[in-house]
Amino acid sequence: MDVIRYPDGRLKKVSERVTVFDENLTAFAYDMIDLMHRKKGIGLAAPQVGELLRIIVVSPSGKEGDDFVLVNPEVAPLSGTEVREEGCLSLPGIYAPVSRPTKIFCRAFSLTGERVEFDADGLLARIILHECDHLNGILFIDRLSLDDLVAINNKLRELEKRKT
């Protein structure tokens, strides 16, 4: 398992809901967590490893043991917006400011199929929103202003030339 990179077309596809909660799902999610930590990430979505499934893994601190899995997550904004710089394991070396809600409500399933619901704010909300975007074929660069997109254009072209 490895992280696929922009401009791989799988990153622009909408993922399918998970319907089977079994040991294969658990093993896949733990492989994603391991990869996220090896790549020094704080979030990873299944499409980033080439699987069009609605699964994200999150580690707000970036430390092993401080991570969790959300299956079929759904989010709704609760309050405010904030602009902060974001990056992405699928767009290495590219960082740009993205506006996102500061507080969200999240509903998802655990690896055992239990429904979980919670509010998240700050960095955790941002990570969940970023990873949920991946499940819908949206990259953080799709949310940039024209000026910010122009500013990273050369780096995007370099990634397009390298293709994975």
Protein backbone atom coordinates (compact mmCIF):
# COMPACT_ATOMS: atom_id res chain seq x y z
CA MET A 1 0.00 0.00 0.00
CA ASP A 2 1.25 3.46 -0.87
CA VAL A 3 -0.12 6.96 -1.33
CA ILE A 4 -1.14 7.79 -4.88
CA ARG A 5 -0.27 11.25 -6.10
CA TYR A 6 -1.91 14.00 -8.08
CA PRO A 7 -2.82 13.89 -10.98
CA ASP A 8 -3.93 10.24 -10.58
CA GLY A 9 -7.56 10.17 -11.76
CA ARG A 10 -8.71 8.02 -8.82
CA LEU A 11 -8.32 11.09 -6.60
CA LYS A 12 -11.18 12.78 -8.48
CA LYS A 13 -13.70 9.94 -8.14
CA VAL A 14 -16.52 9.66 -5.60
CA SER A 15 -16.09 6.75 -3.19
CA GLU A 16 -18.62 4.02 -2.41
CA ARG A 17 -20.20 3.45 1.00
CA VAL A 18 -18.81 0.56 3.03
CA THR A 19 -21.44 -2.14 3.56
CA VAL A 20 -19.38 -4.99 5.04
CA PHE A 21 -17.74 -4.56 8.43
CA ASP A 22 -15.33 -7.48 8.80
CA GLU A 23 -11.71 -8.38 9.47
CA ASN A 24 -10.71 -7.29 5.96
CA LEU A 25 -12.02 -3.79 6.64
CA THR A 26 -10.19 -3.68 9.97
CA ALA A 27 -6.91 -4.88 8.43
CA PHE A 28 -7.23 -2.33 5.62
CA ALA A 29 -7.88 0.51 8.08
CA TYR A 30 -4.90 -0.46 10.23
CA ASP A 31 -2.70 -0.58 7.12
CA MET A 32 -3.90 2.95 6.33
CA ILE A 33 -3.03 4.10 9.85
CA ASP A 34 0.44 2.58 9.56
CA LEU A 35 1.00 4.26 6.18
CA MET A 36 -0.28 7.62 7.47
CA HIS A 37 2.27 7.52 10.31
CA ARG A 38 5.12 6.36 8.05
CA LYS A 39 4.39 9.30 5.73
CA LYS A 40 4.17 11.72 8.71
CA GLY A 41 0.54 12.55 7.96
CA ILE A 42 -2.33 13.47 10.25
CA GLY A 43 -5.10 12.13 8.02
CA LEU A 44 -5.56 9.74 5.12
CA ALA A 45 -8.55 8.71 3.01
CA ALA A 46 -9.00 5.38 1.24
CA PRO A 47 -9.00 6.98 -2.25
CA GLN A 48 -5.45 8.17 -1.52
CA VAL A 49 -4.35 4.54 -1.50
CA GLY A 50 -6.39 3.73 -4.61
CA GLU A 51 -9.47 2.27 -2.88
CA LEU A 52 -12.73 4.06 -3.62
CA LEU A 53 -14.26 3.35 -0.21
CA ARG A 54 -15.64 5.85 2.30
CA ILE A 55 -13.00 5.32 5.00
CA ILE A 56 -10.76 7.91 6.62
CA VAL A 57 -8.11 7.63 9.31
CA VAL A 58 -7.22 10.60 11.50
CA SER A 59 -4.38 11.36 13.92
CA PRO A 60 -4.65 14.97 15.13
CA SER A 61 -1.31 14.88 16.98
CA GLY A 62 0.45 12.79 14.35
CA LYS A 63 1.49 10.39 17.12
CA GLU A 64 0.86 6.67 17.00
CA GLY A 65 -1.94 5.67 19.34
CA ASP A 66 -3.71 9.01 18.85
CA ASP A 67 -5.61 7.87 15.79
CA PHE A 68 -9.05 6.67 14.86
CA VAL A 69 -11.06 5.42 11.89
CA LEU A 70 -14.30 6.81 10.52
CA VAL A 71 -16.33 4.70 8.08
CA ASN A 72 -18.97 6.34 5.88
CA PRO A 73 -18.50 9.71 7.58
CA GLU A 74 -20.97 12.55 7.08
CA VAL A 75 -20.28 16.09 8.23
CA ALA A 76 -22.25 19.28 8.72
CA PRO A 77 -20.81 22.69 9.56
CA LEU A 78 -21.84 24.11 12.94
CA SER A 79 -20.11 27.47 13.19
CA GLY A 80 -17.62 29.94 11.82
CA THR A 81 -14.94 29.65 9.19
CA GLU A 82 -11.20 29.95 9.36
CA VAL A 83 -8.48 30.11 6.75
CA ARG A 84 -5.44 27.94 7.49
CA GLU A 85 -2.69 26.43 5.41
CA GLU A 86 -3.22 22.84 4.31
CA GLY A 87 -1.11 20.21 2.64
CA CYS A 88 -1.83 16.71 1.40
CA LEU A 89 0.13 13.47 1.14
CA SER A 90 -1.17 13.15 -2.44
CA LEU A 91 0.20 16.61 -3.33
CA PRO A 92 3.69 16.50 -1.75
CA GLY A 93 5.38 19.83 -1.20
CA ILE A 94 2.28 21.91 -1.91
CA TYR A 95 0.71 24.05 0.81
CA ALA A 96 -1.95 26.73 0.47
CA PRO A 97 -4.61 28.53 2.54
CA VAL A 98 -8.04 26.90 2.66
CA SER A 99 -11.21 28.25 4.27
CA ARG A 100 -13.15 25.67 6.30
CA PRO A 101 -15.76 25.65 9.07
CA THR A 102 -14.22 25.89 12.54
CA LYS A 103 -16.74 23.51 14.13
CA ILE A 104 -18.55 20.53 12.63
CA PHE A 105 -20.92 17.73 13.54
CA CYS A 106 -19.72 14.31 12.37
CA ARG A 107 -21.70 11.10 12.07
CA ALA A 108 -19.95 7.90 11.00
CA PHE A 109 -19.46 4.24 11.85
CA SER A 110 -16.66 2.55 13.75
CA LEU A 111 -14.82 -0.48 12.37
CA THR A 112 -17.32 -2.70 14.19
CA GLY A 113 -20.29 -0.99 12.53
CA GLU A 114 -21.32 1.04 15.58
CA ARG A 115 -22.71 4.50 14.83
CA VAL A 116 -20.65 7.33 16.30
CA GLU A 117 -21.65 10.99 16.50
CA PHE A 118 -19.61 13.89 17.80
CA ASP A 119 -18.76 17.56 17.43
CA ALA A 120 -15.24 18.51 16.37
CA ASP A 121 -13.51 21.85 16.18
CA GLY A 122 -10.18 23.37 15.27
CA LEU A 123 -7.57 21.10 13.70
CA LEU A 124 -9.65 17.94 14.16
CA ALA A 125 -12.57 19.47 12.25
CA ARG A 126 -10.21 20.61 9.49
CA ILE A 127 -8.65 17.15 9.13
CA ILE A 128 -12.03 15.42 8.98
CA LEU A 129 -13.31 17.90 6.38
CA HIS A 130 -10.14 17.55 4.28
CA GLU A 131 -10.33 13.75 4.34
CA CYS A 132 -14.09 13.71 3.66
CA ASP A 133 -13.42 15.88 0.61
CA HIS A 134 -11.23 13.06 -0.72
CA LEU A 135 -14.21 10.70 -0.45
CA ASN A 136 -16.10 13.02 -2.80
CA GLY A 137 -13.28 13.44 -5.31
CA ILE A 138 -12.36 16.91 -4.05
CA LEU A 139 -8.75 17.95 -3.44
CA PHE A 140 -7.81 20.89 -1.25
CA ILE A 141 -6.51 22.67 -4.36
CA ASP A 142 -10.09 22.63 -5.68
CA ARG A 143 -11.02 24.95 -2.80
CA LEU A 144 -8.33 27.59 -3.46
CA SER A 145 -8.89 31.13 -4.62
CA LEU A 146 -7.67 31.88 -8.13
CA ASP A 147 -4.72 33.86 -6.74
CA ASP A 148 -3.67 30.99 -4.47
CA LEU A 149 -4.03 28.50 -7.31
CA VAL A 150 -1.83 30.65 -9.54
CA ALA A 151 0.76 30.83 -6.74
CA ILE A 152 1.15 27.02 -6.68
CA ASN A 153 0.73 26.48 -10.43
CA ASN A 154 4.40 25.67 -11.09
CA LYS A 155 4.45 23.02 -8.34
CA LEU A 156 1.27 21.46 -9.72
CA ARG A 157 2.80 21.30 -13.20
CA GLU A 158 5.87 19.54 -11.74
CA LEU A 159 3.64 16.87 -10.17
CA GLU A 160 1.76 16.47 -13.45
CA LYS A 161 5.06 15.88 -15.29
CA ARG A 162 6.14 13.21 -12.77
CA LYS A 163 2.84 11.25 -12.82
CA THR A 164 2.79 8.12 -10.65
